[in-house]
Amino acid sequence: MRLAVALGLAVAALLAACQAPVRRLHYDQLVFDAPHHELAYAIYTPPGFERGERLPLVVFLHGAGDDETCFDEAGVGVHLDAEIAAGRVPRAVIAVPSGDFGFWENWADGSYAYRDWIVDGLVPAVAARYGTLPCPDDCHVIGISMGGHGALRLALFEPERFASASVVSGPILDTDAALEFMDSGLLSWVIPSERIWGVPDRAAMANGDVFQRWTRPEDLHGVRLLVAWGDRDYGRIVESNERFRAHLDAHDIPYEAFVFEGGHRWQAWTPALDRVLTTQLGSRTPSSRP
């Protein structure tokens, strides 16, 4: 009898461990004709959300290897439910699009246009469906890892679209580092760098170099910038973020920065998101109910 009970408990524990994550978010997709693409995305709405409640809109850009399911897979939605219910994190609608390994770029070969899809497709569609507060004052972009690169690029090339941009554990590359990255043979089998950025060219890379493009406070065009990384993050991530922070200080460019506990993983990113959302949304954009 004891053996049967023990076996039953073991099977129950195994089944519990294999259960799929709670699907807290709502899933949908947008279809674009030029170039043709189906952009899958997920939407997080806070506890008790009802049509008519007007909230800020946050676009969350995932890292390499993740997709639109990352909030559910990592339990971020459930975590935010508790934090928002306790009043520790502001209420917001969060859109989580799927960016594959595309680095959230408009590809040089014209086959993908992630930035355009975000600003011209996803943001207007979600804003219309969920009645979010108007952009740019109440629209924000947050990116983690590869998504941090995307958030920076949106702040650089589309500054009129967002009130804030947050880079969490993101690689912040100057022209030399970008060229070195593109020349890395180890990455070429995963990341089609020439299709994304074109043939390596110093002038082209300089156009997207925030170290060169952001040298005065007004270069941010009012975008509130936040950078954060883990105290056990990848060495090159830490190095690039610290160098970027020094660059911002040297040019008197306003920003927020913090170092969180942990490494390059969701266990560290999830609680860090609480601080990012609280800092960038703050009490400036409370919900507006009819």
Protein backbone atom coordinates (compact mmCIF):
# COMPACT_ATOMS: atom_id res chain seq x y z
CA MET A 1 0.00 0.00 0.00
CA ARG A 2 2.78 2.42 0.92
CA LEU A 3 4.49 1.69 -2.41
CA ALA A 4 1.28 2.41 -4.31
CA VAL A 5 0.80 5.70 -2.44
CA ALA A 6 4.41 6.68 -3.10
CA LEU A 7 4.09 5.87 -6.78
CA GLY A 8 0.85 7.83 -6.97
CA LEU A 9 2.47 10.89 -5.39
CA ALA A 10 5.45 10.61 -7.72
CA VAL A 11 3.21 10.44 -10.80
CA ALA A 12 1.15 13.40 -9.55
CA ALA A 13 4.31 15.45 -9.00
CA LEU A 14 5.59 14.55 -12.47
CA LEU A 15 2.30 15.53 -14.09
CA ALA A 16 2.27 18.83 -12.20
CA ALA A 17 5.81 19.58 -13.35
CA CYS A 18 4.82 18.90 -16.95
CA GLN A 19 1.74 21.12 -16.93
CA ALA A 20 1.76 23.91 -19.47
CA PRO A 21 2.18 27.47 -18.19
CA VAL A 22 -0.96 29.45 -17.44
CA ARG A 23 -2.03 31.25 -20.63
CA ARG A 24 -2.81 34.56 -19.02
CA LEU A 25 -2.47 36.69 -22.18
CA HIS A 26 -4.77 37.04 -25.20
CA TYR A 27 -3.34 36.01 -28.60
CA ASP A 28 -3.95 37.43 -32.05
CA GLN A 29 -2.15 38.27 -35.29
CA LEU A 30 -1.87 41.00 -37.90
CA VAL A 31 -1.38 40.32 -41.61
CA PHE A 32 0.71 42.69 -43.74
CA ASP A 33 0.86 42.72 -47.52
CA ALA A 34 4.13 44.52 -48.20
CA PRO A 35 6.20 42.58 -47.47
CA HIS A 36 3.77 39.76 -46.68
CA HIS A 37 4.01 38.66 -43.08
CA GLU A 38 1.78 37.45 -40.27
CA LEU A 39 2.78 39.18 -37.05
CA ALA A 40 1.69 37.11 -34.07
CA TYR A 41 1.28 38.98 -30.81
CA ALA A 42 -0.06 38.65 -27.29
CA ILE A 43 -1.85 41.23 -25.15
CA TYR A 44 -1.65 41.61 -21.39
CA THR A 45 -4.47 43.50 -19.69
CA PRO A 46 -4.37 44.12 -15.93
CA PRO A 47 -6.76 42.50 -13.43
CA GLY A 48 -10.28 43.84 -13.69
CA PHE A 49 -9.69 45.53 -17.02
CA GLU A 50 -12.92 46.61 -18.73
CA ARG A 51 -13.62 48.27 -22.04
CA GLY A 52 -13.66 51.99 -21.42
CA GLU A 53 -10.73 52.04 -19.04
CA ARG A 54 -8.04 54.07 -20.76
CA LEU A 55 -4.51 52.96 -19.97
CA PRO A 56 -0.98 53.54 -21.26
CA LEU A 57 0.21 51.21 -24.01
CA VAL A 58 3.52 49.38 -23.58
CA VAL A 59 5.16 47.50 -26.46
CA PHE A 60 7.40 44.75 -25.13
CA LEU A 61 10.12 43.40 -27.45
CA HIS A 62 11.40 39.94 -26.54
CA GLY A 63 14.92 38.58 -26.89
CA ALA A 64 16.41 35.99 -29.25
CA GLY A 65 14.87 32.57 -28.80
CA ASP A 66 11.59 33.89 -27.37
CA ASP A 67 8.34 34.83 -29.08
CA GLU A 68 4.93 36.28 -28.27
CA THR A 69 4.35 33.54 -25.66
CA CYS A 70 7.27 34.64 -23.46
CA PHE A 71 5.13 36.39 -20.83
CA ASP A 72 3.07 33.25 -20.31
CA GLU A 73 6.05 30.88 -20.52
CA ALA A 74 7.97 32.88 -17.89
CA GLY A 75 4.94 33.60 -15.70
CA VAL A 76 5.25 37.36 -16.20
CA GLY A 77 1.52 37.90 -16.65
CA VAL A 78 0.66 36.14 -13.39
CA HIS A 79 3.46 38.04 -11.64
CA LEU A 80 2.18 41.39 -12.93
CA ASP A 81 -1.35 40.52 -11.82
CA ALA A 82 -0.15 40.29 -8.22
CA GLU A 83 2.05 43.39 -8.39
CA ILE A 84 -0.65 45.52 -9.99
CA ALA A 85 -3.33 44.27 -7.58
CA ALA A 86 -1.03 45.23 -4.69
CA GLY A 87 -0.54 48.71 -6.15
CA ARG A 88 3.19 48.28 -6.69
CA VAL A 89 3.10 48.52 -10.51
CA PRO A 90 0.97 50.91 -12.64
CA ARG A 91 -1.83 49.53 -14.76
CA ALA A 92 -1.09 49.27 -18.48
CA VAL A 93 -1.96 47.33 -21.62
CA ILE A 94 1.14 45.48 -22.80
CA ALA A 95 1.55 44.23 -26.38
CA VAL A 96 4.09 41.43 -26.91
CA PRO A 97 4.77 40.87 -30.65
CA SER A 98 6.82 38.03 -32.12
CA GLY A 99 10.08 39.23 -33.67
CA ASP A 100 11.78 35.91 -34.43
CA PHE A 101 15.58 36.46 -34.75
CA GLY A 102 15.00 39.66 -36.72
CA PHE A 103 16.55 42.11 -34.23
CA TRP A 104 13.42 44.26 -34.62
CA GLU A 105 14.90 45.85 -37.74
CA ASN A 106 13.57 46.78 -41.15
CA TRP A 107 15.71 44.29 -43.07
CA ALA A 108 18.06 45.65 -45.72
CA ASP A 109 16.87 43.07 -48.26
CA GLY A 110 13.26 44.21 -47.86
CA SER A 111 11.92 40.84 -46.70
CA TYR A 112 10.94 41.90 -43.17
CA ALA A 113 9.98 45.27 -41.70
CA TYR A 114 9.68 44.77 -37.96
CA ARG A 115 9.93 48.46 -36.99
CA ASP A 116 7.28 49.48 -39.51
CA TRP A 117 5.02 46.64 -38.44
CA ILE A 118 5.29 47.77 -34.82
CA VAL A 119 4.69 51.51 -35.27
CA ASP A 120 2.32 51.44 -38.26
CA GLY A 121 0.52 48.15 -37.62
CA LEU A 122 0.62 46.84 -34.07
CA VAL A 123 0.40 50.10 -32.10
CA PRO A 124 -2.62 51.54 -33.98
CA ALA A 125 -4.43 48.19 -34.00
CA VAL A 126 -3.99 47.61 -30.26
CA ALA A 127 -4.77 51.24 -29.43
CA ALA A 128 -8.04 51.05 -31.37
CA ARG A 129 -9.08 47.70 -29.95
CA TYR A 130 -8.23 48.40 -26.30
CA GLY A 131 -8.86 52.15 -26.20
CA THR A 132 -5.43 53.02 -24.81
CA LEU A 133 -4.32 56.56 -24.08
CA PRO A 134 -2.93 58.51 -27.05
CA CYS A 135 0.60 58.25 -28.38
CA PRO A 136 3.23 59.44 -27.99
CA ASP A 137 2.66 60.70 -24.43
CA ASP A 138 1.32 57.39 -23.17
CA CYS A 139 3.08 54.89 -25.42
CA HIS A 140 6.24 53.16 -24.24
CA VAL A 141 8.64 50.53 -25.56
CA ILE A 142 10.59 48.05 -23.43
CA GLY A 143 13.07 45.54 -24.84
CA ILE A 144 15.01 42.70 -23.26
CA SER A 145 18.29 41.39 -24.72
CA MET A 146 17.78 41.45 -28.52
CA GLY A 147 14.62 43.42 -27.79
CA GLY A 148 16.74 46.03 -26.03
CA HIS A 149 18.49 46.59 -29.34
CA GLY A 150 15.06 47.01 -30.91
CA ALA A 151 13.91 49.49 -28.25
CA LEU A 152 16.99 51.61 -28.86
CA ARG A 153 16.43 51.56 -32.62
CA LEU A 154 12.80 52.63 -32.19
CA ALA A 155 13.92 55.50 -29.94
CA LEU A 156 16.53 56.48 -32.53
CA PHE A 157 14.49 56.16 -35.73
CA GLU A 158 10.92 56.69 -34.43
CA PRO A 159 11.30 59.08 -31.46
CA GLU A 160 7.98 60.79 -32.15
CA ARG A 161 6.09 57.54 -31.47
CA PHE A 162 7.02 56.81 -27.83
CA ALA A 163 7.31 58.70 -24.56
CA SER A 164 9.93 56.31 -23.22
CA ALA A 165 12.31 53.55 -24.28
CA SER A 166 13.77 51.01 -21.87
CA VAL A 167 16.71 48.72 -22.60
CA VAL A 168 17.06 45.71 -20.28
CA SER A 169 20.15 43.50 -20.69
CA GLY A 170 20.48 44.82 -24.24
CA PRO A 171 23.63 44.94 -26.37
CA ILE A 172 24.44 48.60 -27.03
CA LEU A 173 26.89 48.54 -29.91
CA ASP A 174 28.91 51.34 -31.44
CA THR A 175 30.01 51.15 -35.08
CA ASP A 176 33.14 49.08 -34.41
CA ALA A 177 31.29 46.60 -32.20
CA ALA A 178 28.46 46.30 -34.73
CA LEU A 179 30.91 45.53 -37.54
CA GLU A 180 32.64 42.97 -35.34
CA PHE A 181 29.27 41.39 -34.55
CA MET A 182 28.40 41.12 -38.23
CA ASP A 183 31.79 39.56 -38.97
CA SER A 184 31.34 36.82 -36.38
CA GLY A 185 31.24 33.49 -38.20
CA LEU A 186 29.78 31.81 -35.12
CA LEU A 187 26.54 33.77 -35.52
CA SER A 188 26.10 33.61 -39.28
CA TRP A 189 24.29 30.26 -39.20
CA VAL A 190 21.65 31.71 -36.83
CA ILE A 191 21.48 35.40 -37.78
CA PRO A 192 21.47 36.41 -41.48
CA SER A 193 23.30 39.65 -40.74
CA GLU A 194 23.75 40.77 -44.36
CA ARG A 195 20.04 40.30 -45.04
CA ILE A 196 19.25 42.34 -41.94
CA TRP A 197 21.84 45.14 -42.15
CA GLY A 198 23.29 44.75 -45.63
CA VAL A 199 26.92 44.29 -46.59
CA PRO A 200 29.09 45.51 -43.68
CA ASP A 201 29.63 49.20 -44.23
CA ARG A 202 31.01 51.68 -41.72
CA ALA A 203 28.89 54.61 -42.92
CA ALA A 204 25.68 52.56 -42.76
CA MET A 205 26.53 51.28 -39.28
CA ALA A 206 27.27 54.83 -38.10
CA ASN A 207 23.72 55.85 -39.04
CA GLY A 208 22.43 53.51 -36.34
CA ASP A 209 25.18 54.21 -33.79
CA VAL A 210 23.60 55.83 -30.72
CA PHE A 211 27.06 56.80 -29.47
CA GLN A 212 27.43 59.00 -32.55
CA ARG A 213 23.81 60.04 -33.03
CA TRP A 214 23.06 60.98 -29.41
CA THR A 215 25.53 63.65 -28.33
CA ARG A 216 23.11 66.31 -26.99
CA PRO A 217 20.04 66.09 -24.74
CA GLU A 218 17.82 67.29 -27.59
CA ASP A 219 18.94 64.34 -29.75
CA LEU A 220 16.51 62.14 -27.81
CA HIS A 221 13.60 64.35 -28.93
CA GLY A 222 12.01 64.06 -25.49
CA VAL A 223 12.13 60.26 -25.24
CA ARG A 224 12.74 59.18 -21.63
CA LEU A 225 15.56 56.65 -21.69
CA LEU A 226 16.18 53.84 -19.19
CA VAL A 227 18.97 51.25 -19.24
CA ALA A 228 19.28 48.30 -16.86
CA TRP A 229 21.38 45.16 -16.67
CA GLY A 230 22.05 42.32 -14.26
CA ASP A 231 24.96 42.14 -11.84
CA ARG A 232 25.66 38.67 -13.26
CA ASP A 233 24.78 39.52 -16.88
CA TYR A 234 26.95 38.56 -19.85
CA GLY A 235 30.29 40.36 -19.76
CA ARG A 236 29.81 42.16 -23.07
CA ILE A 237 26.32 43.26 -22.06
CA VAL A 238 27.65 44.79 -18.85
CA GLU A 239 30.60 46.39 -20.63
CA SER A 240 28.47 47.95 -23.38
CA ASN A 241 25.87 49.28 -20.94
CA GLU A 242 28.48 50.79 -18.63
CA ARG A 243 30.17 52.41 -21.61
CA PHE A 244 26.84 53.77 -22.84
CA ARG A 245 26.07 55.12 -19.38
CA ALA A 246 29.43 56.91 -19.32
CA HIS A 247 28.66 58.35 -22.77
CA LEU A 248 25.31 59.70 -21.61
CA ASP A 249 26.91 61.25 -18.53
CA ALA A 250 29.68 62.85 -20.59
CA HIS A 251 27.12 64.53 -22.87
CA ASP A 252 24.63 65.52 -20.12
CA ILE A 253 21.92 63.38 -21.69
CA PRO A 254 19.16 62.57 -19.17
CA TYR A 255 18.43 58.92 -18.45
CA GLU A 256 17.55 56.42 -15.72
CA ALA A 257 19.74 53.40 -14.98
CA PHE A 258 19.90 50.59 -12.48
CA VAL A 259 21.62 47.26 -11.96
CA PHE A 260 19.38 44.40 -10.87
CA GLU A 261 20.25 41.12 -9.19
CA GLY A 262 20.80 38.13 -11.45
CA GLY A 263 21.91 37.21 -14.91
CA HIS A 264 20.63 37.05 -18.47
CA ARG A 265 17.42 35.17 -17.74
CA TRP A 266 13.75 35.59 -16.95
CA GLN A 267 14.20 34.91 -13.22
CA ALA A 268 16.06 38.23 -13.06
CA TRP A 269 14.14 40.13 -15.75
CA THR A 270 10.67 39.57 -14.30
CA PRO A 271 11.19 41.54 -11.06
CA ALA A 272 13.30 44.10 -12.96
CA LEU A 273 10.27 44.81 -15.16
CA ASP A 274 8.39 46.01 -12.08
CA ARG A 275 10.91 48.80 -11.62
CA VAL A 276 11.02 49.60 -15.33
CA LEU A 277 7.24 49.95 -15.57
CA THR A 278 7.02 51.96 -12.35
CA THR A 279 9.82 54.30 -13.42
CA GLN A 280 8.62 54.91 -16.96
CA LEU A 281 4.87 55.02 -16.34
CA GLY A 282 5.00 56.28 -12.75
CA SER A 283 2.04 58.31 -11.62
CA ARG A 284 2.22 60.51 -14.72
CA THR A 285 -0.25 58.36 -16.62
CA PRO A 286 -2.98 57.13 -14.29
CA SER A 287 -5.85 55.15 -15.72
CA SER A 288 -8.78 57.19 -17.00
CA ARG A 289 -12.22 55.71 -16.46
CA PRO A 290 -15.36 57.14 -18.06
